[in-house]
Each structure stands twice: as C-alpha cells, then as structure tokens.
PDB file of all heavy atoms in Angstrom:
ATOM      1  N   VAL A   1     116.852  20.927 -60.432  1.00  0.00           N
ATOM      2  CA  VAL A   1     117.759  19.799 -60.643  1.00  0.00           C
ATOM      3  C   VAL A   1     117.823  18.924 -59.394  1.00  0.00           C
ATOM      4  O   VAL A   1     117.992  17.705 -59.486  1.00  0.00           O
ATOM      5  CB  VAL A   1     119.161  20.320 -61.028  1.00  0.00           C
ATOM      6  CG1 VAL A   1     120.163  19.178 -61.089  1.00  0.00           C
ATOM      7  CG2 VAL A   1     119.110  21.042 -62.365  1.00  0.00           C
ATOM      8  N   ALA A   2     117.677  19.527 -58.224  1.00  0.00           N
ATOM      9  CA  ALA A   2     117.755  18.774 -56.972  1.00  0.00           C
ATOM     10  C   ALA A   2     116.667  17.718 -56.861  1.00  0.00           C
ATOM     11  O   ALA A   2     116.801  16.774 -56.067  1.00  0.00           O
ATOM     12  CB  ALA A   2     117.675  19.727 -55.782  1.00  0.00           C
ATOM     13  N   GLU A   3     115.587  17.850 -57.633  1.00  0.00           N
ATOM     14  CA  GLU A   3     114.482  16.896 -57.558  1.00  0.00           C
ATOM     15  C   GLU A   3     114.546  15.829 -58.635  1.00  0.00           C
ATOM     16  O   GLU A   3     113.615  15.051 -58.804  1.00  0.00           O
ATOM     17  CB  GLU A   3     113.149  17.639 -57.629  1.00  0.00           C
ATOM     18  CG  GLU A   3     112.936  18.656 -56.524  1.00  0.00           C
ATOM     19  CD  GLU A   3     113.154  18.065 -55.145  1.00  0.00           C
ATOM     20  OE1 GLU A   3     112.755  16.903 -54.937  1.00  0.00           O
ATOM     21  OE2 GLU A   3     113.729  18.754 -54.285  1.00  0.00           O
ATOM     22  N   VAL A   4     115.636  15.791 -59.394  1.00  0.00           N
ATOM     23  CA  VAL A   4     115.808  14.763 -60.428  1.00  0.00           C
ATOM     24  C   VAL A   4     116.510  13.563 -59.810  1.00  0.00           C
ATOM     25  O   VAL A   4     117.604  13.687 -59.260  1.00  0.00           O
ATOM     26  CB  VAL A   4     116.625  15.310 -61.616  1.00  0.00           C
ATOM     27  CG1 VAL A   4     116.807  14.224 -62.678  1.00  0.00           C
ATOM     28  CG2 VAL A   4     115.940  16.535 -62.213  1.00  0.00           C
ATOM     29  N   MET A   5     115.894  12.390 -59.889  1.00  0.00           N
ATOM     30  CA  MET A   5     116.435  11.177 -59.276  1.00  0.00           C
ATOM     31  C   MET A   5     117.242  10.325 -60.256  1.00  0.00           C
ATOM     32  O   MET A   5     118.022   9.471 -59.826  1.00  0.00           O
ATOM     33  CB  MET A   5     115.294  10.312 -58.706  1.00  0.00           C
ATOM     34  CG  MET A   5     114.396  11.028 -57.722  1.00  0.00           C
ATOM     35  SD  MET A   5     115.302  11.630 -56.294  1.00  0.00           S
ATOM     36  CE  MET A   5     114.111  12.786 -55.618  1.00  0.00           C
ATOM     37  N   LEU A   6     117.077  10.540 -61.550  1.00  0.00           N
ATOM     38  CA  LEU A   6     117.658   9.648 -62.545  1.00  0.00           C
ATOM     39  C   LEU A   6     119.018  10.159 -63.019  1.00  0.00           C
ATOM     40  O   LEU A   6     119.237  11.370 -63.152  1.00  0.00           O
ATOM     41  CB  LEU A   6     116.715   9.500 -63.734  1.00  0.00           C
ATOM     42  CG  LEU A   6     115.264   9.122 -63.388  1.00  0.00           C
ATOM     43  CD1 LEU A   6     114.457   8.914 -64.656  1.00  0.00           C
ATOM     44  CD2 LEU A   6     115.207   7.894 -62.495  1.00  0.00           C
ATOM     45  N   THR A   7     119.924   9.215 -63.301  1.00  0.00           N
ATOM     46  CA  THR A   7     121.282   9.579 -63.693  1.00  0.00           C
ATOM     47  C   THR A   7     121.682   9.050 -65.069  1.00  0.00           C
ATOM     48  O   THR A   7     122.719   9.453 -65.599  1.00  0.00           O
ATOM     49  CB  THR A   7     122.298   9.057 -62.653  1.00  0.00           C
ATOM     50  OG1 THR A   7     122.152   7.636 -62.522  1.00  0.00           O
ATOM     51  CG2 THR A   7     122.073   9.710 -61.301  1.00  0.00           C
ATOM     52  N   GLY A   8     120.906   8.167 -65.665  1.00  0.00           N
ATOM     53  CA  GLY A   8     121.253   7.656 -66.984  1.00  0.00           C
ATOM     54  C   GLY A   8     120.277   6.590 -67.436  1.00  0.00           C
ATOM     55  O   GLY A   8     119.402   6.169 -66.675  1.00  0.00           O
ATOM     56  N   TRP A   9     120.432   6.157 -68.683  1.00  0.00           N
ATOM     57  CA  TRP A   9     119.584   5.095 -69.213  1.00  0.00           C
ATOM     58  C   TRP A   9     120.239   4.480 -70.443  1.00  0.00           C
ATOM     59  O   TRP A   9     121.123   5.071 -71.054  1.00  0.00           O
ATOM     60  CB  TRP A   9     118.199   5.630 -69.576  1.00  0.00           C
ATOM     61  CG  TRP A   9     118.142   6.360 -70.889  1.00  0.00           C
ATOM     62  CD1 TRP A   9     117.737   5.870 -72.089  1.00  0.00           C
ATOM     63  CD2 TRP A   9     118.525   7.724 -71.137  1.00  0.00           C
ATOM     64  NE1 TRP A   9     117.825   6.832 -73.075  1.00  0.00           N
ATOM     65  CE2 TRP A   9     118.313   7.982 -72.505  1.00  0.00           C
ATOM     66  CE3 TRP A   9     119.016   8.745 -70.334  1.00  0.00           C
ATOM     67  CZ2 TRP A   9     118.583   9.216 -73.091  1.00  0.00           C
ATOM     68  CZ3 TRP A   9     119.294   9.983 -70.902  1.00  0.00           C
ATOM     69  CH2 TRP A   9     119.079  10.208 -72.266  1.00  0.00           C
ATOM     70  N   ARG A  10     119.797   3.273 -70.773  1.00  0.00           N
ATOM     71  CA  ARG A  10     120.241   2.640 -72.014  1.00  0.00           C
ATOM     72  C   ARG A  10     119.163   1.678 -72.487  1.00  0.00           C
ATOM     73  O   ARG A  10     118.410   1.112 -71.686  1.00  0.00           O
ATOM     74  CB  ARG A  10     121.571   1.896 -71.832  1.00  0.00           C
ATOM     75  CG  ARG A  10     121.545   0.738 -70.850  1.00  0.00           C
ATOM     76  CD  ARG A  10     122.925   0.116 -70.710  1.00  0.00           C
ATOM     77  NE  ARG A  10     122.958  -0.932 -69.685  1.00  0.00           N
ATOM     78  CZ  ARG A  10     122.690  -2.198 -69.914  1.00  0.00           C
ATOM     79  NH1 ARG A  10     122.357  -2.591 -71.131  1.00  0.00           N
ATOM     80  NH2 ARG A  10     122.754  -3.087 -68.934  1.00  0.00           N
ATOM     81  N   ARG A  11     119.094   1.493 -73.787  1.00  0.00           N
ATOM     82  CA  ARG A  11     118.125   0.574 -74.387  1.00  0.00           C
ATOM     83  C   ARG A  11     118.695  -0.840 -74.377  1.00  0.00           C
ATOM     84  O   ARG A  11     119.857  -1.044 -74.730  1.00  0.00           O
ATOM     85  CB  ARG A  11     117.809   1.003 -75.819  1.00  0.00           C
ATOM     86  CG  ARG A  11     116.843   0.078 -76.542  1.00  0.00           C
ATOM     87  CD  ARG A  11     116.672   0.512 -77.991  1.00  0.00           C
ATOM     88  NE  ARG A  11     115.848   1.707 -78.090  1.00  0.00           N
ATOM     89  CZ  ARG A  11     114.521   1.697 -78.230  1.00  0.00           C
ATOM     90  NH1 ARG A  11     113.873   0.525 -78.265  1.00  0.00           N
ATOM     91  NH2 ARG A  11     113.846   2.820 -78.341  1.00  0.00           N
ATOM     92  N   ARG A  12     117.881  -1.814 -73.975  1.00  0.00           N
ATOM     93  CA  ARG A  12     118.284  -3.222 -74.001  1.00  0.00           C
ATOM     94  C   ARG A  12     117.735  -3.926 -75.235  1.00  0.00           C
ATOM     95  O   ARG A  12     118.413  -4.758 -75.825  1.00  0.00           O
ATOM     96  CB  ARG A  12     117.813  -3.903 -72.727  1.00  0.00           C
ATOM     97  CG  ARG A  12     118.418  -3.298 -71.450  1.00  0.00           C
ATOM     98  CD  ARG A  12     117.802  -3.879 -70.203  1.00  0.00           C
ATOM     99  NE  ARG A  12     117.998  -5.317 -70.103  1.00  0.00           N
ATOM    100  CZ  ARG A  12     117.385  -6.086 -69.210  1.00  0.00           C
ATOM    101  NH1 ARG A  12     116.512  -5.564 -68.368  1.00  0.00           N
ATOM    102  NH2 ARG A  12     117.627  -7.373 -69.177  1.00  0.00           N
ATOM    103  N   ASP A  13     116.507  -3.652 -75.608  1.00  0.00           N
ATOM    104  CA  ASP A  13     115.942  -4.118 -76.867  1.00  0.00           C
ATOM    105  C   ASP A  13     114.797  -3.186 -77.216  1.00  0.00           C
ATOM    106  O   ASP A  13     114.716  -2.072 -76.686  1.00  0.00           O
ATOM    107  CB  ASP A  13     115.520  -5.592 -76.802  1.00  0.00           C
ATOM    108  CG  ASP A  13     114.498  -5.884 -75.719  1.00  0.00           C
ATOM    109  OD1 ASP A  13     113.662  -4.988 -75.442  1.00  0.00           O
ATOM    110  OD2 ASP A  13     114.518  -6.991 -75.156  1.00  0.00           O
ATOM    111  N   GLU A  14     113.908  -3.608 -78.074  1.00  0.00           N
ATOM    112  CA  GLU A  14     112.895  -2.694 -78.584  1.00  0.00           C
ATOM    113  C   GLU A  14     112.018  -2.098 -77.493  1.00  0.00           C
ATOM    114  O   GLU A  14     111.637  -0.925 -77.559  1.00  0.00           O
ATOM    115  CB  GLU A  14     112.003  -3.420 -79.603  1.00  0.00           C
ATOM    116  CG  GLU A  14     110.968  -2.510 -80.257  1.00  0.00           C
ATOM    117  CD  GLU A  14     110.127  -3.231 -81.285  1.00  0.00           C
ATOM    118  OE1 GLU A  14     110.308  -4.468 -81.442  1.00  0.00           O
ATOM    119  OE2 GLU A  14     109.285  -2.581 -81.928  1.00  0.00           O
ATOM    120  N   HIS A  15     111.719  -2.865 -76.459  1.00  0.00           N
ATOM    121  CA  HIS A  15     110.780  -2.408 -75.438  1.00  0.00           C
ATOM    122  C   HIS A  15     111.346  -2.459 -74.024  1.00  0.00           C
ATOM    123  O   HIS A  15     110.619  -2.194 -73.071  1.00  0.00           O
ATOM    124  CB  HIS A  15     109.488  -3.247 -75.488  1.00  0.00           C
ATOM    125  CG  HIS A  15     108.728  -3.087 -76.762  1.00  0.00           C
ATOM    126  ND1 HIS A  15     108.219  -4.168 -77.463  1.00  0.00           N
ATOM    127  CD2 HIS A  15     108.405  -1.992 -77.492  1.00  0.00           C
ATOM    128  CE1 HIS A  15     107.611  -3.741 -78.557  1.00  0.00           C
ATOM    129  NE2 HIS A  15     107.714  -2.429 -78.599  1.00  0.00           N
ATOM    130  N   ARG A  16     112.601  -2.795 -73.874  1.00  0.00           N
ATOM    131  CA  ARG A  16     113.185  -2.923 -72.537  1.00  0.00           C
ATOM    132  C   ARG A  16     114.367  -1.965 -72.394  1.00  0.00           C
ATOM    133  O   ARG A  16     115.178  -1.812 -73.310  1.00  0.00           O
ATOM    134  CB  ARG A  16     113.620  -4.354 -72.254  1.00  0.00           C
ATOM    135  CG  ARG A  16     112.475  -5.357 -72.217  1.00  0.00           C
ATOM    136  CD  ARG A  16     112.955  -6.704 -71.695  1.00  0.00           C
ATOM    137  NE  ARG A  16     114.076  -7.195 -72.506  1.00  0.00           N
ATOM    138  CZ  ARG A  16     115.031  -7.985 -72.026  1.00  0.00           C
ATOM    139  NH1 ARG A  16     115.038  -8.352 -70.757  1.00  0.00           N
ATOM    140  NH2 ARG A  16     116.005  -8.412 -72.826  1.00  0.00           N
ATOM    141  N   PHE A  17     114.456  -1.384 -71.193  1.00  0.00           N
ATOM    142  CA  PHE A  17     115.469  -0.374 -70.927  1.00  0.00           C
ATOM    143  C   PHE A  17     115.992  -0.545 -69.503  1.00  0.00           C
ATOM    144  O   PHE A  17     115.325  -1.135 -68.644  1.00  0.00           O
ATOM    145  CB  PHE A  17     114.885   1.035 -71.080  1.00  0.00           C
ATOM    146  CG  PHE A  17     114.179   1.253 -72.383  1.00  0.00           C
ATOM    147  CD1 PHE A  17     112.835   0.919 -72.521  1.00  0.00           C
ATOM    148  CD2 PHE A  17     114.857   1.756 -73.477  1.00  0.00           C
ATOM    149  CE1 PHE A  17     112.179   1.099 -73.729  1.00  0.00           C
ATOM    150  CE2 PHE A  17     114.205   1.943 -74.693  1.00  0.00           C
ATOM    151  CZ  PHE A  17     112.865   1.611 -74.810  1.00  0.00           C
ATOM    152  N   THR A  18     117.193  -0.027 -69.277  1.00  0.00           N
ATOM    153  CA  THR A  18     117.744   0.040 -67.933  1.00  0.00           C
ATOM    154  C   THR A  18     117.977   1.506 -67.593  1.00  0.00           C
ATOM    155  O   THR A  18     118.623   2.232 -68.361  1.00  0.00           O
ATOM    156  CB  THR A  18     119.073  -0.733 -67.824  1.00  0.00           C
ATOM    157  OG1 THR A  18     118.829  -2.120 -68.109  1.00  0.00           O
ATOM    158  CG2 THR A  18     119.648  -0.602 -66.415  1.00  0.00           C
ATOM    159  N   VAL A  19     117.429   1.936 -66.477  1.00  0.00           N
ATOM    160  CA  VAL A  19     117.555   3.319 -66.017  1.00  0.00           C
ATOM    161  C   VAL A  19     118.296   3.310 -64.687  1.00  0.00           C
ATOM    162  O   VAL A  19     118.014   2.482 -63.820  1.00  0.00           O
ATOM    163  CB  VAL A  19     116.164   3.975 -65.849  1.00  0.00           C
ATOM    164  CG1 VAL A  19     116.301   5.406 -65.331  1.00  0.00           C
ATOM    165  CG2 VAL A  19     115.395   3.954 -67.168  1.00  0.00           C
ATOM    166  N   SER A  20     119.270   4.199 -64.539  1.00  0.00           N
ATOM    167  CA  SER A  20     119.996   4.305 -63.270  1.00  0.00           C
ATOM    168  C   SER A  20     119.505   5.526 -62.507  1.00  0.00           C
ATOM    169  O   SER A  20     119.027   6.509 -63.085  1.00  0.00           O
ATOM    170  CB  SER A  20     121.504   4.416 -63.528  1.00  0.00           C
ATOM    171  OG  SER A  20     121.795   5.520 -64.365  1.00  0.00           O
ATOM    172  N   ALA A  21     119.609   5.450 -61.194  1.00  0.00           N
ATOM    173  CA  ALA A  21     119.119   6.534 -60.338  1.00  0.00           C
ATOM    174  C   ALA A  21     120.015   6.669 -59.118  1.00  0.00           C
ATOM    175  O   ALA A  21     120.907   5.839 -58.879  1.00  0.00           O
ATOM    176  CB  ALA A  21     117.670   6.253 -59.907  1.00  0.00           C
ATOM    177  N   GLN A  22     119.781   7.705 -58.361  1.00  0.00           N
ATOM    178  CA  GLN A  22     120.420   7.855 -57.062  1.00  0.00           C
ATOM    179  C   GLN A  22     119.407   8.437 -56.083  1.00  0.00           C
ATOM    180  O   GLN A  22     118.711   9.403 -56.392  1.00  0.00           O
ATOM    181  CB  GLN A  22     121.640   8.768 -57.119  1.00  0.00           C
ATOM    182  CG  GLN A  22     122.405   8.804 -55.797  1.00  0.00           C
ATOM    183  CD  GLN A  22     123.620   9.705 -55.819  1.00  0.00           C
ATOM    184  OE1 GLN A  22     123.505  10.916 -55.663  1.00  0.00           O
ATOM    185  NE2 GLN A  22     124.792   9.106 -56.013  1.00  0.00           N
ATOM    186  N   TRP A  23     119.320   7.798 -54.912  1.00  0.00           N
ATOM    187  CA  TRP A  23     118.453   8.283 -53.844  1.00  0.00           C
ATOM    188  C   TRP A  23     119.314   8.863 -52.726  1.00  0.00           C
ATOM    189  O   TRP A  23     120.214   8.185 -52.221  1.00  0.00           O
ATOM    190  CB  TRP A  23     117.608   7.145 -53.272  1.00  0.00           C
ATOM    191  CG  TRP A  23     116.625   6.577 -54.247  1.00  0.00           C
ATOM    192  CD1 TRP A  23     116.048   7.196 -55.306  1.00  0.00           C
ATOM    193  CD2 TRP A  23     116.085   5.242 -54.222  1.00  0.00           C
ATOM    194  NE1 TRP A  23     115.188   6.343 -55.960  1.00  0.00           N
ATOM    195  CE2 TRP A  23     115.193   5.134 -55.317  1.00  0.00           C
ATOM    196  CE3 TRP A  23     116.271   4.154 -53.391  1.00  0.00           C
ATOM    197  CZ2 TRP A  23     114.494   3.967 -55.596  1.00  0.00           C
ATOM    198  CZ3 TRP A  23     115.580   2.982 -53.665  1.00  0.00           C
ATOM    199  CH2 TRP A  23     114.691   2.898 -54.752  1.00  0.00           C
ATOM    200  N   PRO A  24     119.058  10.092 -52.319  1.00  0.00           N
ATOM    201  CA  PRO A  24     119.855  10.677 -51.236  1.00  0.00           C
ATOM    202  C   PRO A  24     119.547  10.024 -49.897  1.00  0.00           C
ATOM    203  O   PRO A  24     118.467   9.462 -49.693  1.00  0.00           O
ATOM    204  CB  PRO A  24     119.427  12.148 -51.251  1.00  0.00           C
ATOM    205  CG  PRO A  24     118.028  12.120 -51.801  1.00  0.00           C
ATOM    206  CD  PRO A  24     118.018  11.005 -52.817  1.00  0.00           C
ATOM    207  N   ARG A  25     120.498  10.109 -49.004  1.00  0.00           N
ATOM    208  CA  ARG A  25     120.276   9.563 -47.655  1.00  0.00           C
ATOM    209  C   ARG A  25     119.263  10.396 -46.885  1.00  0.00           C
ATOM    210  O   ARG A  25     118.580   9.894 -45.987  1.00  0.00           O
ATOM    211  CB  ARG A  25     121.605   9.533 -46.893  1.00  0.00           C
ATOM    212  CG  ARG A  25     122.631   8.589 -47.525  1.00  0.00           C
ATOM    213  CD  ARG A  25     124.011   8.845 -46.986  1.00  0.00           C
ATOM    214  NE  ARG A  25     124.095   8.529 -45.565  1.00  0.00           N
ATOM    215  CZ  ARG A  25     125.105   8.905 -44.779  1.00  0.00           C
ATOM    216  NH1 ARG A  25     126.088   9.634 -45.281  1.00  0.00           N
ATOM    217  NH2 ARG A  25     125.120   8.562 -43.515  1.00  0.00           N
ATOM    218  N   LEU A  26     119.176  11.678 -47.230  1.00  0.00           N
ATOM    219  CA  LEU A  26     118.212  12.570 -46.587  1.00  0.00           C
ATOM    220  C   LEU A  26     117.673  13.503 -47.652  1.00  0.00           C
ATOM    221  O   LEU A  26     118.430  14.181 -48.336  1.00  0.00           O
ATOM    222  CB  LEU A  26     118.872  13.374 -45.463  1.00  0.00           C
ATOM    223  CG  LEU A  26     117.954  14.339 -44.694  1.00  0.00           C
ATOM    224  CD1 LEU A  26     116.879  13.558 -43.940  1.00  0.00           C
ATOM    225  CD2 LEU A  26     118.761  15.196 -43.723  1.00  0.00           C
ATOM    226  N   HIS A  27     116.351  13.516 -47.801  1.00  0.00           N
ATOM    227  CA  HIS A  27     115.704  14.365 -48.801  1.00  0.00           C
ATOM    228  C   HIS A  27     114.866  15.418 -48.081  1.00  0.00           C
ATOM    229  O   HIS A  27     114.372  15.191 -46.981  1.00  0.00           O
ATOM    230  CB  HIS A  27     114.814  13.521 -49.726  1.00  0.00           C
ATOM    231  CG  HIS A  27     114.250  14.271 -50.883  1.00  0.00           C
ATOM    232  ND1 HIS A  27     113.071  14.964 -50.817  1.00  0.00           N
ATOM    233  CD2 HIS A  27     114.715  14.437 -52.148  1.00  0.00           C
ATOM    234  CE1 HIS A  27     112.819  15.530 -51.993  1.00  0.00           C
ATOM    235  NE2 HIS A  27     113.799  15.220 -52.814  1.00  0.00           N
ATOM    236  N   GLY A  28     114.708  16.568 -48.721  1.00  0.00           N
ATOM    237  CA  GLY A  28     113.980  17.658 -48.089  1.00  0.00           C
ATOM    238  C   GLY A  28     112.508  17.375 -47.874  1.00  0.00           C
ATOM    239  O   GLY A  28     111.874  18.012 -47.028  1.00  0.00           O
ATOM    240  N   PHE A  29     111.935  16.445 -48.638  1.00  0.00           N
ATOM    241  CA  PHE A  29     110.523  16.134 -48.449  1.00  0.00           C
ATOM    242  C   PHE A  29     110.260  14.649 -48.269  1.00  0.00           C
ATOM    243  O   PHE A  29     109.515  14.258 -47.372  1.00  0.00           O
ATOM    244  CB  PHE A  29     109.696  16.640 -49.640  1.00  0.00           C
ATOM    245  CG  PHE A  29     108.234  16.300 -49.496  1.00  0.00           C
ATOM    246  CD1 PHE A  29     107.425  17.033 -48.640  1.00  0.00           C
ATOM    247  CD2 PHE A  29     107.667  15.242 -50.190  1.00  0.00           C
ATOM    248  CE1 PHE A  29     106.082  16.709 -48.477  1.00  0.00           C
ATOM    249  CE2 PHE A  29     106.338  14.914 -50.048  1.00  0.00           C
ATOM    250  CZ  PHE A  29     105.540  15.651 -49.192  1.00  0.00           C
ATOM    251  N   PHE A  30     110.828  13.807 -49.140  1.00  0.00           N
ATOM    252  CA  PHE A  30     110.598  12.363 -49.022  1.00  0.00           C
ATOM    253  C   PHE A  30     111.290  11.874 -47.762  1.00  0.00           C
ATOM    254  O   PHE A  30     112.502  11.715 -47.713  1.00  0.00           O
ATOM    255  CB  PHE A  30     111.105  11.641 -50.269  1.00  0.00           C
ATOM    256  CG  PHE A  30     110.346  12.006 -51.516  1.00  0.00           C
ATOM    257  CD1 PHE A  30     110.936  12.762 -52.513  1.00  0.00           C
ATOM    258  CD2 PHE A  30     109.027  11.600 -51.680  1.00  0.00           C
ATOM    259  CE1 PHE A  30     110.231  13.102 -53.659  1.00  0.00           C
ATOM    260  CE2 PHE A  30     108.310  11.937 -52.822  1.00  0.00           C
ATOM    261  CZ  PHE A  30     108.911  12.692 -53.810  1.00  0.00           C
ATOM    262  N   ALA A  31     110.482  11.630 -46.750  1.00  0.00           N
ATOM    263  CA  ALA A  31     111.006  11.448 -45.406  1.00  0.00           C
ATOM    264  C   ALA A  31     111.622  10.071 -45.209  1.00  0.00           C
ATOM    265  O   ALA A  31     111.193   9.081 -45.797  1.00  0.00           O
ATOM    266  CB  ALA A  31     109.884  11.658 -44.383  1.00  0.00           C
ATOM    267  N   THR A  32     112.643  10.027 -44.357  1.00  0.00           N
ATOM    268  CA  THR A  32     113.159   8.749 -43.881  1.00  0.00           C
ATOM    269  C   THR A  32     112.082   8.088 -43.021  1.00  0.00           C
ATOM    270  O   THR A  32     111.539   8.720 -42.109  1.00  0.00           O
ATOM    271  CB  THR A  32     114.431   8.958 -43.045  1.00  0.00           C
ATOM    272  OG1 THR A  32     115.410   9.596 -43.851  1.00  0.00           O
ATOM    273  CG2 THR A  32     114.964   7.641 -42.533  1.00  0.00           C
ATOM    274  N   VAL A  33     111.742   6.849 -43.320  1.00  0.00           N
ATOM    275  CA  VAL A  33     110.682   6.149 -42.609  1.00  0.00           C
ATOM    276  C   VAL A  33     111.302   4.977 -41.864  1.00  0.00           C
ATOM    277  O   VAL A  33     111.664   3.961 -42.468  1.00  0.00           O
ATOM    278  CB  VAL A  33     109.581   5.663 -43.577  1.00  0.00           C
ATOM    279  CG1 VAL A  33     108.445   5.010 -42.791  1.00  0.00           C
ATOM    280  CG2 VAL A  33     109.063   6.808 -44.425  1.00  0.00           C
ATOM    281  N   ASP A  34     111.479   5.136 -40.565  1.00  0.00           N
ATOM    282  CA  ASP A  34     112.019   4.055 -39.736  1.00  0.00           C
ATOM    283  C   ASP A  34     113.325   3.516 -40.306  1.00  0.00           C
ATOM    284  O   ASP A  34     113.549   2.306 -40.365  1.00  0.00           O
ATOM    285  CB  ASP A  34     110.980   2.939 -39.603  1.00  0.00           C
ATOM    286  CG  ASP A  34     111.329   1.941 -38.493  1.00  0.00           C
ATOM    287  OD1 ASP A  34     112.047   2.334 -37.552  1.00  0.00           O
ATOM    288  OD2 ASP A  34     110.890   0.784 -38.584  1.00  0.00           O
ATOM    289  N   GLY A  35     114.198   4.440 -40.757  1.00  0.00           N
ATOM    290  CA  GLY A  35     115.487   4.032 -41.288  1.00  0.00           C
ATOM    291  C   GLY A  35     115.465   3.528 -42.715  1.00  0.00           C
ATOM    292  O   GLY A  35     116.480   3.027 -43.204  1.00  0.00           O
ATOM    293  N   HIS A  36     114.334   3.687 -43.405  1.00  0.00           N
ATOM    294  CA  HIS A  36     114.183   3.227 -44.786  1.00  0.00           C
ATOM    295  C   HIS A  36     114.006   4.415 -45.728  1.00  0.00           C
ATOM    296  O   HIS A  36     113.500   5.468 -45.336  1.00  0.00           O
ATOM    297  CB  HIS A  36     112.956   2.316 -44.940  1.00  0.00           C
ATOM    298  CG  HIS A  36     113.026   1.056 -44.163  1.00  0.00           C
ATOM    299  ND1 HIS A  36     112.806   1.010 -42.788  1.00  0.00           N
ATOM    300  CD2 HIS A  36     113.276  -0.230 -44.548  1.00  0.00           C
ATOM    301  CE1 HIS A  36     112.918  -0.244 -42.376  1.00  0.00           C
ATOM    302  NE2 HIS A  36     113.198  -1.020 -43.413  1.00  0.00           N
ATOM    303  N   HIS A  37     114.395   4.218 -46.970  1.00  0.00           N
ATOM    304  CA  HIS A  37     114.042   5.188 -47.997  1.00  0.00           C
ATOM    305  C   HIS A  37     112.527   5.214 -48.153  1.00  0.00           C
ATOM    306  O   HIS A  37     111.848   4.186 -48.075  1.00  0.00           O
ATOM    307  CB  HIS A  37     114.701   4.833 -49.328  1.00  0.00           C
ATOM    308  CG  HIS A  37     116.181   5.076 -49.358  1.00  0.00           C
ATOM    309  ND1 HIS A  37     116.732   6.339 -49.418  1.00  0.00           N
ATOM    310  CD2 HIS A  37     117.231   4.217 -49.321  1.00  0.00           C
ATOM    311  CE1 HIS A  37     118.055   6.253 -49.429  1.00  0.00           C
ATOM    312  NE2 HIS A  37     118.382   4.977 -49.370  1.00  0.00           N
ATOM    313  N   ASP A  38     112.005   6.396 -48.380  1.00  0.00           N
ATOM    314  CA  ASP A  38     110.570   6.604 -48.488  1.00  0.00           C
ATOM    315  C   ASP A  38     109.996   5.849 -49.684  1.00  0.00           C
ATOM    316  O   ASP A  38     110.472   6.020 -50.810  1.00  0.00           O
ATOM    317  CB  ASP A  38     110.320   8.112 -48.650  1.00  0.00           C
ATOM    318  CG  ASP A  38     108.858   8.490 -48.521  1.00  0.00           C
ATOM    319  OD1 ASP A  38     107.987   7.608 -48.624  1.00  0.00           O
ATOM    320  OD2 ASP A  38     108.585   9.688 -48.312  1.00  0.00           O
ATOM    321  N   PRO A  39     108.953   5.019 -49.499  1.00  0.00           N
ATOM    322  CA  PRO A  39     108.324   4.361 -50.651  1.00  0.00           C
ATOM    323  C   PRO A  39     107.794   5.347 -51.689  1.00  0.00           C
ATOM    324  O   PRO A  39     107.721   5.015 -52.870  1.00  0.00           O
ATOM    325  CB  PRO A  39     107.191   3.554 -50.013  1.00  0.00           C
ATOM    326  CG  PRO A  39     107.658   3.302 -48.604  1.00  0.00           C
ATOM    327  CD  PRO A  39     108.414   4.540 -48.215  1.00  0.00           C
ATOM    328  N   LEU A  40     107.437   6.564 -51.255  1.00  0.00           N
ATOM    329  CA  LEU A  40     107.000   7.553 -52.237  1.00  0.00           C
ATOM    330  C   LEU A  40     108.164   8.047 -53.083  1.00  0.00           C
ATOM    331  O   LEU A  40     107.956   8.509 -54.214  1.00  0.00           O
ATOM    332  CB  LEU A  40     106.302   8.726 -51.548  1.00  0.00           C
ATOM    333  CG  LEU A  40     104.769   8.638 -51.571  1.00  0.00           C
ATOM    334  CD1 LEU A  40     104.298   7.468 -50.705  1.00  0.00           C
ATOM    335  CD2 LEU A  40     104.136   9.932 -51.117  1.00  0.00           C
ATOM    336  N   LEU A  41     109.387   7.951 -52.577  1.00  0.00           N
ATOM    337  CA  LEU A  41     110.558   8.253 -53.394  1.00  0.00           C
ATOM    338  C   LEU A  41     110.688   7.214 -54.511  1.00  0.00           C
ATOM    339  O   LEU A  41     111.070   7.544 -55.636  1.00  0.00           O
ATOM    340  CB  LEU A  41     111.809   8.266 -52.525  1.00  0.00           C
ATOM    341  CG  LEU A  41     113.127   8.654 -53.197  1.00  0.00           C
ATOM    342  CD1 LEU A  41     113.081  10.084 -53.698  1.00  0.00           C
ATOM    343  CD2 LEU A  41     114.293   8.465 -52.229  1.00  0.00           C
ATOM    344  N   VAL A  42     110.338   5.966 -54.195  1.00  0.00           N
ATOM    345  CA  VAL A  42     110.322   4.911 -55.211  1.00  0.00           C
ATOM    346  C   VAL A  42     109.261   5.237 -56.265  1.00  0.00           C
ATOM    347  O   VAL A  42     109.502   5.122 -57.472  1.00  0.00           O
ATOM    348  CB  VAL A  42     110.045   3.544 -54.569  1.00  0.00           C
ATOM    349  CG1 VAL A  42     110.050   2.443 -55.627  1.00  0.00           C
ATOM    350  CG2 VAL A  42     111.060   3.237 -53.473  1.00  0.00           C
ATOM    351  N   ALA A  43     108.080   5.664 -55.820  1.00  0.00           N
ATOM    352  CA  ALA A  43     107.011   6.026 -56.755  1.00  0.00           C
ATOM    353  C   ALA A  43     107.441   7.181 -57.652  1.00  0.00           C
ATOM    354  O   ALA A  43     107.188   7.163 -58.865  1.00  0.00           O
ATOM    355  CB  ALA A  43     105.746   6.391 -55.984  1.00  0.00           C
ATOM    356  N   GLU A  44     108.092   8.186 -57.096  1.00  0.00           N
ATOM    357  CA  GLU A  44     108.567   9.314 -57.891  1.00  0.00           C
ATOM    358  C   GLU A  44     109.619   8.871 -58.900  1.00  0.00           C
ATOM    359  O   GLU A  44     109.653   9.367 -60.034  1.00  0.00           O
ATOM    360  CB  GLU A  44     109.129  10.400 -56.969  1.00  0.00           C
ATOM    361  CG  GLU A  44     109.849  11.542 -57.671  1.00  0.00           C
ATOM    362  CD  GLU A  44     108.953  12.396 -58.564  1.00  0.00           C
ATOM    363  OE1 GLU A  44     107.711  12.227 -58.531  1.00  0.00           O
ATOM    364  OE2 GLU A  44     109.501  13.227 -59.317  1.00  0.00           O
TER     365      GLU A  44
END
C-alpha cells in the first residue's frame, strides 16, 4: 500500500477522467532531486 500514489478518480466524459494523487515529501526510493520531487515519481 505504501507504493500506491493514487487517492481517487472520477469520469468527466466518455474518454476523459480526473485522477487524484499524493506524493510524499520523502520516499524510500524515488529520491529528492535538488529539492524537487523525482521525475520518475511522476512517471510512476
């Protein structure tokens, strides 16, 4: 469960959706990069 980034979703129309997420300030693997959230966290 600790590796799940998503917190909810809803349908906007047939092909469009809104998904909510939360990114931790410090993750066990996705490293803080120069004070930024890890771009690989975005990819995940």
